[in-house]
Amino acid sequence: MKLSVIDSSGAQKGEVAIGDEYIIANGRGTQALQDYIVTYRGNQRQGTRSTKTKGEVVGSGKKPWKQKGTGRARAGMVRSPIWRKGGVVFGPRPHDFSRDLPQQIKNLAFRKAFSERLAANDIVVVEDIAPASPKTKEMVGTLAKLKLDPDKSTLIVQDEINKNLMLSARNVARVEVATAVTLNAYQLLCFDKIVITRKAFATVAERLRK
């Protein structure tokens, strides 16, 4: 499979190729991708939300009034869950949501996600997109020349971290930057367009062969 390579002005500068054997064209990998997304999102959770039980709420453990003779409903303590400002029953507690997946499943999920974006023509290969200076205006102009819709999200994938690119893109709405080594299946699915440099594409192609 071949993709056109364009420069930052939108002019074609050649082609890049990737073997069809590394592209998943059928339903294979769907479950692996689902498992990866669930695992990835779970690993992003802090799991620190918590409520206080009746044993943790501040308050006396003394019986508010005697059991019988007052005409009131019986009560054991002011920290009771049925009282206002009392403890919470079965509320959320700190929990570790992290999971792990075999590396083969991760690789298959990455190939599946990349294949889906290729099939949808959502991947744009550029020669280089890093601006000469860290200016947001230059980045906005470059994205416009690439005919990318500013109302849709864009992920820029580079081979190595470029300071000028990071600084230029961080103030552009719906635009994020990633490296080819850290790129994952979740990022591939979250953005409307994937802009990837020629060098980064070569790195991603190597990952697809695993």
C-alpha atoms as a PDB file:
ATOM      1  CA  MET A   1       0.000   0.000   0.000  1.00  0.00           C
ATOM      2  CA  LYS A   2       1.326   3.442  -0.935  1.00  0.00           C
ATOM      3  CA  LEU A   3       0.591   6.848   0.527  1.00  0.00           C
ATOM      4  CA  SER A   4       1.437  10.248  -0.902  1.00  0.00           C
ATOM      5  CA  VAL A   5       3.886  12.446   0.994  1.00  0.00           C
ATOM      6  CA  ILE A   6       3.310  16.195   1.014  1.00  0.00           C
ATOM      7  CA  ASP A   7       5.338  19.074   2.393  1.00  0.00           C
ATOM      8  CA  SER A   8       4.146  21.748   4.801  1.00  0.00           C
ATOM      9  CA  SER A   9       2.764  23.774   1.895  1.00  0.00           C
ATOM     10  CA  GLY A  10       0.629  20.908   0.603  1.00  0.00           C
ATOM     11  CA  ALA A  11       2.785  20.058  -2.450  1.00  0.00           C
ATOM     12  CA  GLN A  12       3.438  16.375  -3.159  1.00  0.00           C
ATOM     13  CA  LYS A  13       6.988  15.234  -2.384  1.00  0.00           C
ATOM     14  CA  GLY A  14       6.860  11.507  -3.104  1.00  0.00           C
ATOM     15  CA  GLU A  15       5.381   8.339  -1.663  1.00  0.00           C
ATOM     16  CA  VAL A  16       5.819   5.925   1.213  1.00  0.00           C
ATOM     17  CA  ALA A  17       4.916   2.255   1.074  1.00  0.00           C
ATOM     18  CA  ILE A  18       3.804  -0.274   3.634  1.00  0.00           C
ATOM     19  CA  GLY A  19       3.331  -3.979   3.071  1.00  0.00           C
ATOM     20  CA  ASP A  20      -0.253  -5.141   2.696  1.00  0.00           C
ATOM     21  CA  GLU A  21       0.526  -8.103   4.945  1.00  0.00           C
ATOM     22  CA  TYR A  22       0.774  -5.714   7.890  1.00  0.00           C
ATOM     23  CA  ILE A  23      -2.675  -4.240   7.274  1.00  0.00           C
ATOM     24  CA  ILE A  24      -5.743  -5.910   8.766  1.00  0.00           C
ATOM     25  CA  ALA A  25      -8.562  -5.713   6.245  1.00  0.00           C
ATOM     26  CA  ASN A  26     -11.104  -8.060   7.823  1.00  0.00           C
ATOM     27  CA  GLY A  27     -12.740  -8.383  11.232  1.00  0.00           C
ATOM     28  CA  ARG A  28      -9.624  -9.821  12.860  1.00  0.00           C
ATOM     29  CA  GLY A  29      -8.332  -7.801  15.784  1.00  0.00           C
ATOM     30  CA  THR A  30     -11.647  -6.244  16.786  1.00  0.00           C
ATOM     31  CA  GLN A  31     -11.724  -7.974  20.167  1.00  0.00           C
ATOM     32  CA  ALA A  32      -8.056  -7.171  20.790  1.00  0.00           C
ATOM     33  CA  LEU A  33      -8.760  -3.502  20.094  1.00  0.00           C
ATOM     34  CA  GLN A  34     -11.753  -3.536  22.435  1.00  0.00           C
ATOM     35  CA  ASP A  35      -9.692  -5.148  25.199  1.00  0.00           C
ATOM     36  CA  TYR A  36      -6.903  -2.617  24.711  1.00  0.00           C
ATOM     37  CA  ILE A  37      -9.224   0.405  24.877  1.00  0.00           C
ATOM     38  CA  VAL A  38     -10.892  -0.853  28.069  1.00  0.00           C
ATOM     39  CA  THR A  39      -7.494  -1.576  29.622  1.00  0.00           C
ATOM     40  CA  TYR A  40      -6.001   1.753  28.563  1.00  0.00           C
ATOM     41  CA  ARG A  41      -8.892   3.801  29.928  1.00  0.00           C
ATOM     42  CA  GLY A  42      -8.875   1.838  33.160  1.00  0.00           C
ATOM     43  CA  ASN A  43      -5.159   2.487  33.581  1.00  0.00           C
ATOM     44  CA  GLN A  44      -5.770   6.232  33.276  1.00  0.00           C
ATOM     45  CA  ARG A  45      -8.124   6.238  36.253  1.00  0.00           C
ATOM     46  CA  GLN A  46      -6.752   7.435  39.573  1.00  0.00           C
ATOM     47  CA  GLY A  47      -9.156   5.291  41.538  1.00  0.00           C
ATOM     48  CA  THR A  48      -9.005   7.650  44.520  1.00  0.00           C
ATOM     49  CA  ARG A  49     -12.676   8.591  44.918  1.00  0.00           C
ATOM     50  CA  SER A  50     -13.984   7.680  48.336  1.00  0.00           C
ATOM     51  CA  THR A  51     -16.867   8.178  50.735  1.00  0.00           C
ATOM     52  CA  LYS A  52     -16.918   7.862  54.515  1.00  0.00           C
ATOM     53  CA  THR A  53     -18.614   4.976  56.231  1.00  0.00           C
ATOM     54  CA  LYS A  54     -20.390   5.355  59.575  1.00  0.00           C
ATOM     55  CA  GLY A  55     -17.123   4.352  61.210  1.00  0.00           C
ATOM     56  CA  GLU A  56     -15.248   7.256  59.583  1.00  0.00           C
ATOM     57  CA  VAL A  57     -17.773  10.088  59.888  1.00  0.00           C
ATOM     58  CA  VAL A  58     -17.068  12.535  62.701  1.00  0.00           C
ATOM     59  CA  GLY A  59     -19.656  12.242  65.436  1.00  0.00           C
ATOM     60  CA  SER A  60     -20.512  10.642  68.741  1.00  0.00           C
ATOM     61  CA  GLY A  61     -21.267   6.971  69.146  1.00  0.00           C
ATOM     62  CA  LYS A  62     -23.621   7.695  71.994  1.00  0.00           C
ATOM     63  CA  LYS A  63     -27.256   6.671  71.643  1.00  0.00           C
ATOM     64  CA  PRO A  64     -29.206   9.918  70.945  1.00  0.00           C
ATOM     65  CA  TRP A  65     -32.143   8.945  73.167  1.00  0.00           C
ATOM     66  CA  LYS A  66     -33.405   5.916  74.993  1.00  0.00           C
ATOM     67  CA  GLN A  67     -34.819   3.013  73.054  1.00  0.00           C
ATOM     68  CA  LYS A  68     -38.425   3.282  74.246  1.00  0.00           C
ATOM     69  CA  GLY A  69     -40.835   5.814  75.640  1.00  0.00           C
ATOM     70  CA  THR A  70     -40.012   8.925  73.616  1.00  0.00           C
ATOM     71  CA  GLY A  71     -42.372   8.311  70.710  1.00  0.00           C
ATOM     72  CA  ARG A  72     -39.501   8.732  68.311  1.00  0.00           C
ATOM     73  CA  ALA A  73     -38.054   6.116  66.015  1.00  0.00           C
ATOM     74  CA  ARG A  74     -35.297   4.113  67.640  1.00  0.00           C
ATOM     75  CA  ALA A  75     -31.777   5.337  66.863  1.00  0.00           C
ATOM     76  CA  GLY A  76     -28.350   4.055  67.759  1.00  0.00           C
ATOM     77  CA  MET A  77     -25.990   6.861  66.746  1.00  0.00           C
ATOM     78  CA  VAL A  78     -25.914  10.147  64.866  1.00  0.00           C
ATOM     79  CA  ARG A  79     -23.460   8.640  62.371  1.00  0.00           C
ATOM     80  CA  SER A  80     -26.089   6.206  61.109  1.00  0.00           C
ATOM     81  CA  PRO A  81     -26.392   6.037  57.298  1.00  0.00           C
ATOM     82  CA  ILE A  82     -30.099   6.939  57.494  1.00  0.00           C
ATOM     83  CA  TRP A  83     -29.324  10.203  59.279  1.00  0.00           C
ATOM     84  CA  ARG A  84     -28.409  13.455  57.600  1.00  0.00           C
ATOM     85  CA  LYS A  85     -24.615  13.822  57.516  1.00  0.00           C
ATOM     86  CA  GLY A  86     -24.311  10.181  58.452  1.00  0.00           C
ATOM     87  CA  GLY A  87     -22.086   7.589  56.841  1.00  0.00           C
ATOM     88  CA  VAL A  88     -22.533   6.220  53.333  1.00  0.00           C
ATOM     89  CA  VAL A  89     -23.422   2.599  52.683  1.00  0.00           C
ATOM     90  CA  PHE A  90     -21.709   0.840  49.771  1.00  0.00           C
ATOM     91  CA  GLY A  91     -20.228   4.094  48.495  1.00  0.00           C
ATOM     92  CA  PRO A  92     -17.160   4.275  46.238  1.00  0.00           C
ATOM     93  CA  ARG A  93     -13.863   3.330  47.840  1.00  0.00           C
ATOM     94  CA  PRO A  94     -10.273   3.637  46.560  1.00  0.00           C
ATOM     95  CA  HIS A  95      -9.772   0.997  43.912  1.00  0.00           C
ATOM     96  CA  ASP A  96      -6.988   0.017  41.520  1.00  0.00           C
ATOM     97  CA  PHE A  97      -8.448  -0.224  38.003  1.00  0.00           C
ATOM     98  CA  SER A  98      -5.127  -0.961  36.301  1.00  0.00           C
ATOM     99  CA  ARG A  99      -4.817  -4.045  34.132  1.00  0.00           C
ATOM    100  CA  ASP A 100      -2.246  -5.500  31.795  1.00  0.00           C
ATOM    101  CA  LEU A 101      -2.399  -7.186  28.415  1.00  0.00           C
ATOM    102  CA  PRO A 102      -0.010  -9.520  26.598  1.00  0.00           C
ATOM    103  CA  GLN A 103       2.283  -7.677  24.210  1.00  0.00           C
ATOM    104  CA  GLN A 104       0.868  -9.637  21.265  1.00  0.00           C
ATOM    105  CA  ILE A 105      -2.608  -8.299  22.022  1.00  0.00           C
ATOM    106  CA  LYS A 106      -1.254  -4.747  22.223  1.00  0.00           C
ATOM    107  CA  ASN A 107       0.515  -5.154  18.883  1.00  0.00           C
ATOM    108  CA  LEU A 108      -2.601  -6.589  17.247  1.00  0.00           C
ATOM    109  CA  ALA A 109      -4.736  -3.740  18.610  1.00  0.00           C
ATOM    110  CA  PHE A 110      -2.254  -1.181  17.256  1.00  0.00           C
ATOM    111  CA  ARG A 111      -2.285  -2.798  13.816  1.00  0.00           C
ATOM    112  CA  LYS A 112      -6.081  -2.919  13.824  1.00  0.00           C
ATOM    113  CA  ALA A 113      -6.439   0.751  14.789  1.00  0.00           C
ATOM    114  CA  PHE A 114      -3.854   1.860  12.225  1.00  0.00           C
ATOM    115  CA  SER A 115      -5.540  -0.235   9.535  1.00  0.00           C
ATOM    116  CA  GLU A 116      -8.912   1.331  10.312  1.00  0.00           C
ATOM    117  CA  ARG A 117      -7.527   4.843   9.936  1.00  0.00           C
ATOM    118  CA  LEU A 118      -5.760   3.919   6.696  1.00  0.00           C
ATOM    119  CA  ALA A 119      -8.970   2.487   5.277  1.00  0.00           C
ATOM    120  CA  ALA A 120     -10.809   5.703   6.180  1.00  0.00           C
ATOM    121  CA  ASN A 121      -8.094   7.903   4.545  1.00  0.00           C
ATOM    122  CA  ASP A 122      -7.572   9.696   7.837  1.00  0.00           C
ATOM    123  CA  ILE A 123      -3.760   9.495   7.789  1.00  0.00           C
ATOM    124  CA  VAL A 124      -1.780  12.328   6.190  1.00  0.00           C
ATOM    125  CA  VAL A 125       1.954  11.804   5.614  1.00  0.00           C
ATOM    126  CA  VAL A 126       4.101  14.952   5.508  1.00  0.00           C
ATOM    127  CA  GLU A 127       7.786  15.471   4.861  1.00  0.00           C
ATOM    128  CA  ASP A 128       8.219  17.663   7.921  1.00  0.00           C
ATOM    129  CA  ILE A 129       5.836  19.832   9.869  1.00  0.00           C
ATOM    130  CA  ALA A 130       8.087  21.338  12.548  1.00  0.00           C
ATOM    131  CA  PRO A 131       8.114  25.166  12.310  1.00  0.00           C
ATOM    132  CA  ALA A 132      11.340  27.146  12.274  1.00  0.00           C
ATOM    133  CA  SER A 133      10.276  29.047  15.382  1.00  0.00           C
ATOM    134  CA  PRO A 134       7.806  28.321  18.180  1.00  0.00           C
ATOM    135  CA  LYS A 135       4.871  30.380  16.914  1.00  0.00           C
ATOM    136  CA  THR A 136       1.232  29.359  17.091  1.00  0.00           C
ATOM    137  CA  LYS A 137       0.413  31.459  14.029  1.00  0.00           C
ATOM    138  CA  GLU A 138       2.822  29.440  11.892  1.00  0.00           C
ATOM    139  CA  MET A 139       1.304  26.168  13.060  1.00  0.00           C
ATOM    140  CA  VAL A 140      -2.227  27.362  12.287  1.00  0.00           C
ATOM    141  CA  GLY A 141      -1.088  28.413   8.814  1.00  0.00           C
ATOM    142  CA  THR A 142       0.599  25.062   8.177  1.00  0.00           C
ATOM    143  CA  LEU A 143      -2.507  23.122   9.185  1.00  0.00           C
ATOM    144  CA  ALA A 144      -4.579  25.308   6.865  1.00  0.00           C
ATOM    145  CA  LYS A 145      -2.232  24.558   3.944  1.00  0.00           C
ATOM    146  CA  LEU A 146      -2.647  20.861   4.657  1.00  0.00           C
ATOM    147  CA  LYS A 147      -6.420  21.420   4.295  1.00  0.00           C
ATOM    148  CA  LEU A 148      -7.180  20.195   7.802  1.00  0.00           C
ATOM    149  CA  ASP A 149     -10.510  21.256   9.269  1.00  0.00           C
ATOM    150  CA  PRO A 150      -9.850  23.447  12.355  1.00  0.00           C
ATOM    151  CA  ASP A 151     -13.128  22.250  13.866  1.00  0.00           C
ATOM    152  CA  LYS A 152     -11.888  18.653  13.919  1.00  0.00           C
ATOM    153  CA  SER A 153      -9.202  17.143  16.114  1.00  0.00           C
ATOM    154  CA  THR A 154      -5.719  16.457  14.753  1.00  0.00           C
ATOM    155  CA  LEU A 155      -2.880  14.341  16.112  1.00  0.00           C
ATOM    156  CA  ILE A 156       0.612  15.201  14.883  1.00  0.00           C
ATOM    157  CA  VAL A 157       3.024  12.269  15.067  1.00  0.00           C
ATOM    158  CA  GLN A 158       6.750  12.992  14.891  1.00  0.00           C
ATOM    159  CA  ASP A 159       9.768  10.721  15.064  1.00  0.00           C
ATOM    160  CA  GLU A 160      11.422  12.627  17.905  1.00  0.00           C
ATOM    161  CA  ILE A 161      10.326  15.364  20.252  1.00  0.00           C
ATOM    162  CA  ASN A 162      10.682  18.757  18.573  1.00  0.00           C
ATOM    163  CA  LYS A 163      10.525  21.679  20.969  1.00  0.00           C
ATOM    164  CA  ASN A 164       9.336  24.198  18.384  1.00  0.00           C
ATOM    165  CA  LEU A 165       6.530  21.897  17.307  1.00  0.00           C
ATOM    166  CA  MET A 166       5.446  21.202  20.880  1.00  0.00           C
ATOM    167  CA  LEU A 167       5.363  24.894  21.760  1.00  0.00           C
ATOM    168  CA  SER A 168       3.606  25.882  18.534  1.00  0.00           C
ATOM    169  CA  ALA A 169       0.876  23.259  18.794  1.00  0.00           C
ATOM    170  CA  ARG A 170       0.078  23.402  22.493  1.00  0.00           C
ATOM    171  CA  ASN A 171      -2.072  26.520  22.125  1.00  0.00           C
ATOM    172  CA  VAL A 172      -3.958  25.317  19.036  1.00  0.00           C
ATOM    173  CA  ALA A 173      -7.399  23.953  19.828  1.00  0.00           C
ATOM    174  CA  ARG A 174      -8.001  20.254  19.155  1.00  0.00           C
ATOM    175  CA  VAL A 175      -4.359  19.621  18.199  1.00  0.00           C
ATOM    176  CA  GLU A 176      -2.000  17.329  20.096  1.00  0.00           C
ATOM    177  CA  VAL A 177       1.494  16.009  19.457  1.00  0.00           C
ATOM    178  CA  ALA A 178       2.857  12.485  19.958  1.00  0.00           C
ATOM    179  CA  THR A 179       5.949  10.504  18.980  1.00  0.00           C
ATOM    180  CA  ALA A 180       6.005   7.398  16.808  1.00  0.00           C
ATOM    181  CA  VAL A 181       7.404   5.318  19.661  1.00  0.00           C
ATOM    182  CA  THR A 182       4.722   6.281  22.186  1.00  0.00           C
ATOM    183  CA  LEU A 183       1.802   6.326  19.719  1.00  0.00           C
ATOM    184  CA  ASN A 184      -0.915   3.910  20.803  1.00  0.00           C
ATOM    185  CA  ALA A 185      -4.187   2.494  19.488  1.00  0.00           C
ATOM    186  CA  TYR A 186      -6.289   4.744  21.729  1.00  0.00           C
ATOM    187  CA  GLN A 187      -4.729   7.892  20.257  1.00  0.00           C
ATOM    188  CA  LEU A 188      -5.239   6.588  16.735  1.00  0.00           C
ATOM    189  CA  LEU A 189      -8.968   6.278  17.378  1.00  0.00           C
ATOM    190  CA  CYS A 190      -9.498   9.506  19.335  1.00  0.00           C
ATOM    191  CA  PHE A 191      -8.549  12.009  16.637  1.00  0.00           C
ATOM    192  CA  ASP A 192     -10.273  12.844  13.366  1.00  0.00           C
ATOM    193  CA  LYS A 193      -7.011  13.184  11.429  1.00  0.00           C
ATOM    194  CA  ILE A 194      -3.530  11.742  11.966  1.00  0.00           C
ATOM    195  CA  VAL A 195      -0.671  13.825  10.538  1.00  0.00           C
ATOM    196  CA  ILE A 196       2.551  11.833  10.552  1.00  0.00           C
ATOM    197  CA  THR A 197       6.012  12.754   9.280  1.00  0.00           C
ATOM    198  CA  ARG A 198       7.908  10.532   6.847  1.00  0.00           C
ATOM    199  CA  LYS A 199      10.448   9.485   9.496  1.00  0.00           C
ATOM    200  CA  ALA A 200       7.713   8.769  12.013  1.00  0.00           C
ATOM    201  CA  PHE A 201       5.845   6.700   9.423  1.00  0.00           C
ATOM    202  CA  ALA A 202       8.926   4.518   8.966  1.00  0.00           C
ATOM    203  CA  THR A 203       9.059   3.956  12.733  1.00  0.00           C
ATOM    204  CA  VAL A 204       5.363   3.091  12.847  1.00  0.00           C
ATOM    205  CA  ALA A 205       5.824   0.691   9.923  1.00  0.00           C
ATOM    206  CA  GLU A 206       8.481  -1.136  11.938  1.00  0.00           C
ATOM    207  CA  ARG A 207       6.058  -1.426  14.846  1.00  0.00           C
ATOM    208  CA  LEU A 208       3.415  -2.907  12.558  1.00  0.00           C
ATOM    209  CA  ARG A 209       5.789  -5.716  11.627  1.00  0.00           C
ATOM    210  CA  LYS A 210       5.960  -6.981  15.208  1.00  0.00           C
END
